[in-house]
Amino acid sequence: MSSLQEQVYKTIGKNVRKYRLANNISQEKLSEILDVNSKFIGHVERFERYISLKKLIELAEYFDIPIKNFFE
């Protein structure tokens, strides 16, 4: 994986955590909302797994934010 790819996924993971906490939602609850394994969100937030574009769009819709916010 290139350093650019690593940086992008790290930024996404940090922002998933930021928006999840800002909305007072547990990792488990967010996993249910996205219909993914109960540990998946924690893995994404710690940069251990990669979130798909489809799931990222679902998160943006759920949090009612532009998808670009996950990349900033």
PDB file of N, CA and C in Angstrom:
ATOM      1  N   MET A   1       0.854  -1.174   0.000  1.00  0.00           N
ATOM      2  CA  MET A   1       0.000   0.000   0.000  1.00  0.00           C
ATOM      3  C   MET A   1       0.898   1.235   0.000  1.00  0.00           C
ATOM      4  N   SER A   2       0.545   2.192  -0.823  1.00  0.00           N
ATOM      5  CA  SER A   2       1.337   3.421  -0.897  1.00  0.00           C
ATOM      6  C   SER A   2       1.090   4.297   0.326  1.00  0.00           C
ATOM      7  N   SER A   3       2.000   5.217   0.549  1.00  0.00           N
ATOM      8  CA  SER A   3       1.842   6.112   1.699  1.00  0.00           C
ATOM      9  C   SER A   3       0.607   7.001   1.538  1.00  0.00           C
ATOM     10  N   LEU A   4       0.258   7.354   0.301  1.00  0.00           N
ATOM     11  CA  LEU A   4      -0.956   8.143   0.074  1.00  0.00           C
ATOM     12  C   LEU A   4      -2.188   7.335   0.471  1.00  0.00           C
ATOM     13  N   GLN A   5      -2.231   6.067   0.082  1.00  0.00           N
ATOM     14  CA  GLN A   5      -3.360   5.221   0.450  1.00  0.00           C
ATOM     15  C   GLN A   5      -3.457   5.091   1.962  1.00  0.00           C
ATOM     16  N   GLU A   6      -2.331   4.881   2.609  1.00  0.00           N
ATOM     17  CA  GLU A   6      -2.323   4.771   4.070  1.00  0.00           C
ATOM     18  C   GLU A   6      -2.869   6.032   4.712  1.00  0.00           C
ATOM     19  N   GLN A   7      -2.433   7.181   4.236  1.00  0.00           N
ATOM     20  CA  GLN A   7      -2.883   8.455   4.806  1.00  0.00           C
ATOM     21  C   GLN A   7      -4.382   8.649   4.610  1.00  0.00           C
ATOM     22  N   VAL A   8      -4.886   8.285   3.445  1.00  0.00           N
ATOM     23  CA  VAL A   8      -6.320   8.432   3.167  1.00  0.00           C
ATOM     24  C   VAL A   8      -7.130   7.561   4.121  1.00  0.00           C
ATOM     25  N   TYR A   9      -6.739   6.293   4.277  1.00  0.00           N
ATOM     26  CA  TYR A   9      -7.488   5.402   5.167  1.00  0.00           C
ATOM     27  C   TYR A   9      -7.359   5.797   6.630  1.00  0.00           C
ATOM     28  N   LYS A  10      -6.219   6.326   7.023  1.00  0.00           N
ATOM     29  CA  LYS A  10      -6.066   6.825   8.396  1.00  0.00           C
ATOM     30  C   LYS A  10      -6.984   8.015   8.632  1.00  0.00           C
ATOM     31  N   THR A  11      -7.049   8.907   7.674  1.00  0.00           N
ATOM     32  CA  THR A  11      -7.923  10.082   7.791  1.00  0.00           C
ATOM     33  C   THR A  11      -9.383   9.649   7.861  1.00  0.00           C
ATOM     34  N   ILE A  12      -9.768   8.707   7.021  1.00  0.00           N
ATOM     35  CA  ILE A  12     -11.143   8.208   7.054  1.00  0.00           C
ATOM     36  C   ILE A  12     -11.446   7.597   8.418  1.00  0.00           C
ATOM     37  N   GLY A  13     -10.547   6.763   8.925  1.00  0.00           N
ATOM     38  CA  GLY A  13     -10.752   6.121  10.221  1.00  0.00           C
ATOM     39  C   GLY A  13     -10.915   7.127  11.345  1.00  0.00           C
ATOM     40  N   LYS A  14     -10.069   8.147  11.349  1.00  0.00           N
ATOM     41  CA  LYS A  14     -10.166   9.193  12.379  1.00  0.00           C
ATOM     42  C   LYS A  14     -11.497   9.927  12.286  1.00  0.00           C
ATOM     43  N   ASN A  15     -11.946  10.177  11.069  1.00  0.00           N
ATOM     44  CA  ASN A  15     -13.203  10.905  10.898  1.00  0.00           C
ATOM     45  C   ASN A  15     -14.424  10.044  11.204  1.00  0.00           C
ATOM     46  N   VAL A  16     -14.349   8.762  10.916  1.00  0.00           N
ATOM     47  CA  VAL A  16     -15.451   7.866  11.309  1.00  0.00           C
ATOM     48  C   VAL A  16     -15.609   7.943  12.821  1.00  0.00           C
ATOM     49  N   ARG A  17     -14.494   7.859  13.530  1.00  0.00           N
ATOM     50  CA  ARG A  17     -14.527   7.935  14.992  1.00  0.00           C
ATOM     51  C   ARG A  17     -15.069   9.294  15.459  1.00  0.00           C
ATOM     52  N   LYS A  18     -14.597  10.359  14.831  1.00  0.00           N
ATOM     53  CA  LYS A  18     -15.025  11.710  15.216  1.00  0.00           C
ATOM     54  C   LYS A  18     -16.537  11.865  15.094  1.00  0.00           C
ATOM     55  N   TYR A  19     -17.099  11.461  13.965  1.00  0.00           N
ATOM     56  CA  TYR A  19     -18.539  11.617  13.758  1.00  0.00           C
ATOM     57  C   TYR A  19     -19.344  10.641  14.608  1.00  0.00           C
ATOM     58  N   ARG A  20     -18.806   9.451  14.821  1.00  0.00           N
ATOM     59  CA  ARG A  20     -19.502   8.488  15.680  1.00  0.00           C
ATOM     60  C   ARG A  20     -19.602   9.028  17.105  1.00  0.00           C
ATOM     61  N   LEU A  21     -18.495   9.527  17.633  1.00  0.00           N
ATOM     62  CA  LEU A  21     -18.501  10.062  18.993  1.00  0.00           C
ATOM     63  C   LEU A  21     -19.338  11.334  19.098  1.00  0.00           C
ATOM     64  N   ALA A  22     -19.269  12.180  18.086  1.00  0.00           N
ATOM     65  CA  ALA A  22     -20.050  13.420  18.093  1.00  0.00           C
ATOM     66  C   ALA A  22     -21.552  13.130  18.130  1.00  0.00           C
ATOM     67  N   ASN A  23     -21.931  11.966  17.587  1.00  0.00           N
ATOM     68  CA  ASN A  23     -23.341  11.570  17.576  1.00  0.00           C
ATOM     69  C   ASN A  23     -23.671  10.589  18.694  1.00  0.00           C
ATOM     70  N   ASN A  24     -22.701  10.376  19.588  1.00  0.00           N
ATOM     71  CA  ASN A  24     -22.904   9.513  20.755  1.00  0.00           C
ATOM     72  C   ASN A  24     -23.413   8.122  20.377  1.00  0.00           C
ATOM     73  N   ILE A  25     -22.732   7.504  19.415  1.00  0.00           N
ATOM     74  CA  ILE A  25     -23.103   6.182  18.929  1.00  0.00           C
ATOM     75  C   ILE A  25     -21.958   5.218  19.224  1.00  0.00           C
ATOM     76  N   SER A  26     -22.284   4.051  19.748  1.00  0.00           N
ATOM     77  CA  SER A  26     -21.260   3.042  20.022  1.00  0.00           C
ATOM     78  C   SER A  26     -20.804   2.387  18.719  1.00  0.00           C
ATOM     79  N   GLN A  27     -19.634   1.778  18.780  1.00  0.00           N
ATOM     80  CA  GLN A  27     -19.150   1.030  17.621  1.00  0.00           C
ATOM     81  C   GLN A  27     -20.124  -0.087  17.260  1.00  0.00           C
ATOM     82  N   GLU A  28     -20.654  -0.736  18.271  1.00  0.00           N
ATOM     83  CA  GLU A  28     -21.586  -1.832  18.027  1.00  0.00           C
ATOM     84  C   GLU A  28     -22.857  -1.349  17.330  1.00  0.00           C
ATOM     85  N   LYS A  29     -23.388  -0.232  17.780  1.00  0.00           N
ATOM     86  CA  LYS A  29     -24.606   0.317  17.170  1.00  0.00           C
ATOM     87  C   LYS A  29     -24.346   0.716  15.716  1.00  0.00           C
ATOM     88  N   LEU A  30     -23.201   1.358  15.476  1.00  0.00           N
ATOM     89  CA  LEU A  30     -22.885   1.764  14.114  1.00  0.00           C
ATOM     90  C   LEU A  30     -22.683   0.542  13.222  1.00  0.00           C
ATOM     91  N   SER A  31     -22.122  -0.519  13.774  1.00  0.00           N
ATOM     92  CA  SER A  31     -21.987  -1.770  13.020  1.00  0.00           C
ATOM     93  C   SER A  31     -23.352  -2.316  12.630  1.00  0.00           C
ATOM     94  N   GLU A  32     -24.309  -2.242  13.537  1.00  0.00           N
ATOM     95  CA  GLU A  32     -25.671  -2.690  13.229  1.00  0.00           C
ATOM     96  C   GLU A  32     -26.282  -1.836  12.124  1.00  0.00           C
ATOM     97  N   ILE A  33     -26.096  -0.533  12.214  1.00  0.00           N
ATOM     98  CA  ILE A  33     -26.660   0.385  11.222  1.00  0.00           C
ATOM     99  C   ILE A  33     -26.115   0.070   9.826  1.00  0.00           C
ATOM    100  N   LEU A  34     -24.816  -0.243   9.760  1.00  0.00           N
ATOM    101  CA  LEU A  34     -24.179  -0.530   8.471  1.00  0.00           C
ATOM    102  C   LEU A  34     -24.292  -1.996   8.063  1.00  0.00           C
ATOM    103  N   ASP A  35     -24.839  -2.820   8.961  1.00  0.00           N
ATOM    104  CA  ASP A  35     -24.972  -4.251   8.707  1.00  0.00           C
ATOM    105  C   ASP A  35     -23.611  -4.891   8.418  1.00  0.00           C
ATOM    106  N   VAL A  36     -22.659  -4.646   9.346  1.00  0.00           N
ATOM    107  CA  VAL A  36     -21.326  -5.236   9.247  1.00  0.00           C
ATOM    108  C   VAL A  36     -21.003  -5.942  10.561  1.00  0.00           C
ATOM    109  N   ASN A  37     -19.933  -6.709  10.568  1.00  0.00           N
ATOM    110  CA  ASN A  37     -19.469  -7.403  11.759  1.00  0.00           C
ATOM    111  C   ASN A  37     -19.337  -6.425  12.922  1.00  0.00           C
ATOM    112  N   SER A  38     -19.641  -6.877  14.113  1.00  0.00           N
ATOM    113  CA  SER A  38     -19.668  -5.984  15.282  1.00  0.00           C
ATOM    114  C   SER A  38     -18.324  -5.337  15.592  1.00  0.00           C
ATOM    115  N   LYS A  39     -17.233  -5.912  15.111  1.00  0.00           N
ATOM    116  CA  LYS A  39     -15.908  -5.332  15.379  1.00  0.00           C
ATOM    117  C   LYS A  39     -15.376  -4.490  14.221  1.00  0.00           C
ATOM    118  N   PHE A  40     -16.118  -4.441  13.135  1.00  0.00           N
ATOM    119  CA  PHE A  40     -15.634  -3.779  11.931  1.00  0.00           C
ATOM    120  C   PHE A  40     -15.326  -2.295  12.144  1.00  0.00           C
ATOM    121  N   ILE A  41     -16.199  -1.575  12.807  1.00  0.00           N
ATOM    122  CA  ILE A  41     -15.999  -0.136  12.995  1.00  0.00           C
ATOM    123  C   ILE A  41     -14.718   0.125  13.775  1.00  0.00           C
ATOM    124  N   GLY A  42     -14.474  -0.644  14.815  1.00  0.00           N
ATOM    125  CA  GLY A  42     -13.224  -0.499  15.570  1.00  0.00           C
ATOM    126  C   GLY A  42     -12.010  -0.736  14.700  1.00  0.00           C
ATOM    127  N   HIS A  43     -12.089  -1.734  13.821  1.00  0.00           N
ATOM    128  CA  HIS A  43     -10.980  -2.012  12.908  1.00  0.00           C
ATOM    129  C   HIS A  43     -10.746  -0.845  11.949  1.00  0.00           C
ATOM    130  N   VAL A  44     -11.815  -0.262  11.456  1.00  0.00           N
ATOM    131  CA  VAL A  44     -11.700   0.888  10.545  1.00  0.00           C
ATOM    132  C   VAL A  44     -11.074   2.068  11.287  1.00  0.00           C
ATOM    133  N   GLU A  45     -11.552   2.320  12.490  1.00  0.00           N
ATOM    134  CA  GLU A  45     -11.047   3.457  13.268  1.00  0.00           C
ATOM    135  C   GLU A  45      -9.571   3.290  13.636  1.00  0.00           C
ATOM    136  N   ARG A  46      -9.113   2.058  13.769  1.00  0.00           N
ATOM    137  CA  ARG A  46      -7.715   1.803  14.118  1.00  0.00           C
ATOM    138  C   ARG A  46      -6.861   1.507  12.881  1.00  0.00           C
ATOM    139  N   PHE A  47      -7.433   1.672  11.699  1.00  0.00           N
ATOM    140  CA  PHE A  47      -6.725   1.458  10.439  1.00  0.00           C
ATOM    141  C   PHE A  47      -6.246   0.009  10.290  1.00  0.00           C
ATOM    142  N   GLU A  48      -7.083  -0.915  10.715  1.00  0.00           N
ATOM    143  CA  GLU A  48      -6.770  -2.338  10.581  1.00  0.00           C
ATOM    144  C   GLU A  48      -7.549  -2.981   9.435  1.00  0.00           C
ATOM    145  N   ARG A  49      -8.630  -2.331   9.013  1.00  0.00           N
ATOM    146  CA  ARG A  49      -9.430  -2.785   7.875  1.00  0.00           C
ATOM    147  C   ARG A  49      -9.843  -1.564   7.082  1.00  0.00           C
ATOM    148  N   TYR A  50     -10.227  -1.794   5.847  1.00  0.00           N
ATOM    149  CA  TYR A  50     -10.588  -0.700   4.954  1.00  0.00           C
ATOM    150  C   TYR A  50     -12.083  -0.703   4.708  1.00  0.00           C
ATOM    151  N   ILE A  51     -12.679   0.458   4.781  1.00  0.00           N
ATOM    152  CA  ILE A  51     -14.106   0.593   4.552  1.00  0.00           C
ATOM    153  C   ILE A  51     -14.356   0.790   3.057  1.00  0.00           C
ATOM    154  N   SER A  52     -15.409   0.185   2.567  1.00  0.00           N
ATOM    155  CA  SER A  52     -15.743   0.316   1.145  1.00  0.00           C
ATOM    156  C   SER A  52     -16.392   1.674   0.879  1.00  0.00           C
ATOM    157  N   LEU A  53     -16.366   2.066  -0.363  1.00  0.00           N
ATOM    158  CA  LEU A  53     -17.010   3.308  -0.757  1.00  0.00           C
ATOM    159  C   LEU A  53     -18.512   3.231  -0.474  1.00  0.00           C
ATOM    160  N   LYS A  54     -19.105   2.072  -0.711  1.00  0.00           N
ATOM    161  CA  LYS A  54     -20.538   1.898  -0.457  1.00  0.00           C
ATOM    162  C   LYS A  54     -20.860   2.164   1.013  1.00  0.00           C
ATOM    163  N   LYS A  55     -20.079   1.603   1.922  1.00  0.00           N
ATOM    164  CA  LYS A  55     -20.319   1.800   3.355  1.00  0.00           C
ATOM    165  C   LYS A  55     -20.014   3.235   3.764  1.00  0.00           C
ATOM    166  N   LEU A  56     -19.022   3.849   3.146  1.00  0.00           N
ATOM    167  CA  LEU A  56     -18.709   5.244   3.442  1.00  0.00           C
ATOM    168  C   LEU A  56     -19.863   6.159   3.024  1.00  0.00           C
ATOM    169  N   ILE A  57     -20.474   5.863   1.897  1.00  0.00           N
ATOM    170  CA  ILE A  57     -21.646   6.633   1.454  1.00  0.00           C
ATOM    171  C   ILE A  57     -22.794   6.441   2.437  1.00  0.00           C
ATOM    172  N   GLU A  58     -23.001   5.211   2.893  1.00  0.00           N
ATOM    173  CA  GLU A  58     -24.056   4.947   3.879  1.00  0.00           C
ATOM    174  C   GLU A  58     -23.799   5.744   5.162  1.00  0.00           C
ATOM    175  N   LEU A  59     -22.538   5.816   5.595  1.00  0.00           N
ATOM    176  CA  LEU A  59     -22.199   6.602   6.785  1.00  0.00           C
ATOM    177  C   LEU A  59     -22.485   8.079   6.577  1.00  0.00           C
ATOM    178  N   ALA A  60     -22.097   8.606   5.427  1.00  0.00           N
ATOM    179  CA  ALA A  60     -22.338  10.018   5.136  1.00  0.00           C
ATOM    180  C   ALA A  60     -23.838  10.309   5.156  1.00  0.00           C
ATOM    181  N   GLU A  61     -24.623   9.419   4.588  1.00  0.00           N
ATOM    182  CA  GLU A  61     -26.077   9.602   4.601  1.00  0.00           C
ATOM    183  C   GLU A  61     -26.621   9.517   6.023  1.00  0.00           C
ATOM    184  N   TYR A  62     -26.128   8.556   6.790  1.00  0.00           N
ATOM    185  CA  TYR A  62     -26.607   8.396   8.163  1.00  0.00           C
ATOM    186  C   TYR A  62     -26.283   9.634   9.006  1.00  0.00           C
ATOM    187  N   PHE A  63     -25.044  10.131   8.893  1.00  0.00           N
ATOM    188  CA  PHE A  63     -24.638  11.303   9.665  1.00  0.00           C
ATOM    189  C   PHE A  63     -25.116  12.610   9.030  1.00  0.00           C
ATOM    190  N   ASP A  64     -25.706  12.513   7.833  1.00  0.00           N
ATOM    191  CA  ASP A  64     -26.206  13.676   7.097  1.00  0.00           C
ATOM    192  C   ASP A  64     -25.093  14.706   6.868  1.00  0.00           C
ATOM    193  N   ILE A  65     -23.977  14.206   6.335  1.00  0.00           N
ATOM    194  CA  ILE A  65     -22.829  15.061   6.027  1.00  0.00           C
ATOM    195  C   ILE A  65     -22.367  14.765   4.602  1.00  0.00           C
ATOM    196  N   PRO A  66     -21.655  15.688   3.989  1.00  0.00           N
ATOM    197  CA  PRO A  66     -21.069  15.399   2.674  1.00  0.00           C
ATOM    198  C   PRO A  66     -19.991  14.331   2.828  1.00  0.00           C
ATOM    199  N   ILE A  67     -19.891  13.427   1.877  1.00  0.00           N
ATOM    200  CA  ILE A  67     -18.897  12.357   1.969  1.00  0.00           C
ATOM    201  C   ILE A  67     -17.477  12.912   2.035  1.00  0.00           C
ATOM    202  N   LYS A  68     -17.263  14.076   1.466  1.00  0.00           N
ATOM    203  CA  LYS A  68     -15.918  14.663   1.473  1.00  0.00           C
ATOM    204  C   LYS A  68     -15.412  14.915   2.895  1.00  0.00           C
ATOM    205  N   ASN A  69     -16.315  15.036   3.847  1.00  0.00           N
ATOM    206  CA  ASN A  69     -15.895  15.280   5.234  1.00  0.00           C
ATOM    207  C   ASN A  69     -15.040  14.159   5.785  1.00  0.00           C
ATOM    208  N   PHE A  70     -15.197  12.946   5.263  1.00  0.00           N
ATOM    209  CA  PHE A  70     -14.388  11.831   5.747  1.00  0.00           C
ATOM    210  C   PHE A  70     -12.952  11.907   5.243  1.00  0.00           C
ATOM    211  N   PHE A  71     -12.708  12.708   4.221  1.00  0.00           N
ATOM    212  CA  PHE A  71     -11.383  12.805   3.617  1.00  0.00           C
ATOM    213  C   PHE A  71     -10.598  14.037   4.070  1.00  0.00           C
ATOM    214  N   GLU A  72     -11.210  14.856   4.895  1.00  0.00           N
ATOM    215  CA  GLU A  72     -10.568  16.118   5.318  1.00  0.00           C
ATOM    216  C   GLU A  72      -9.966  15.991   6.696  1.00  0.00           C
TER     217      GLU A  72
END
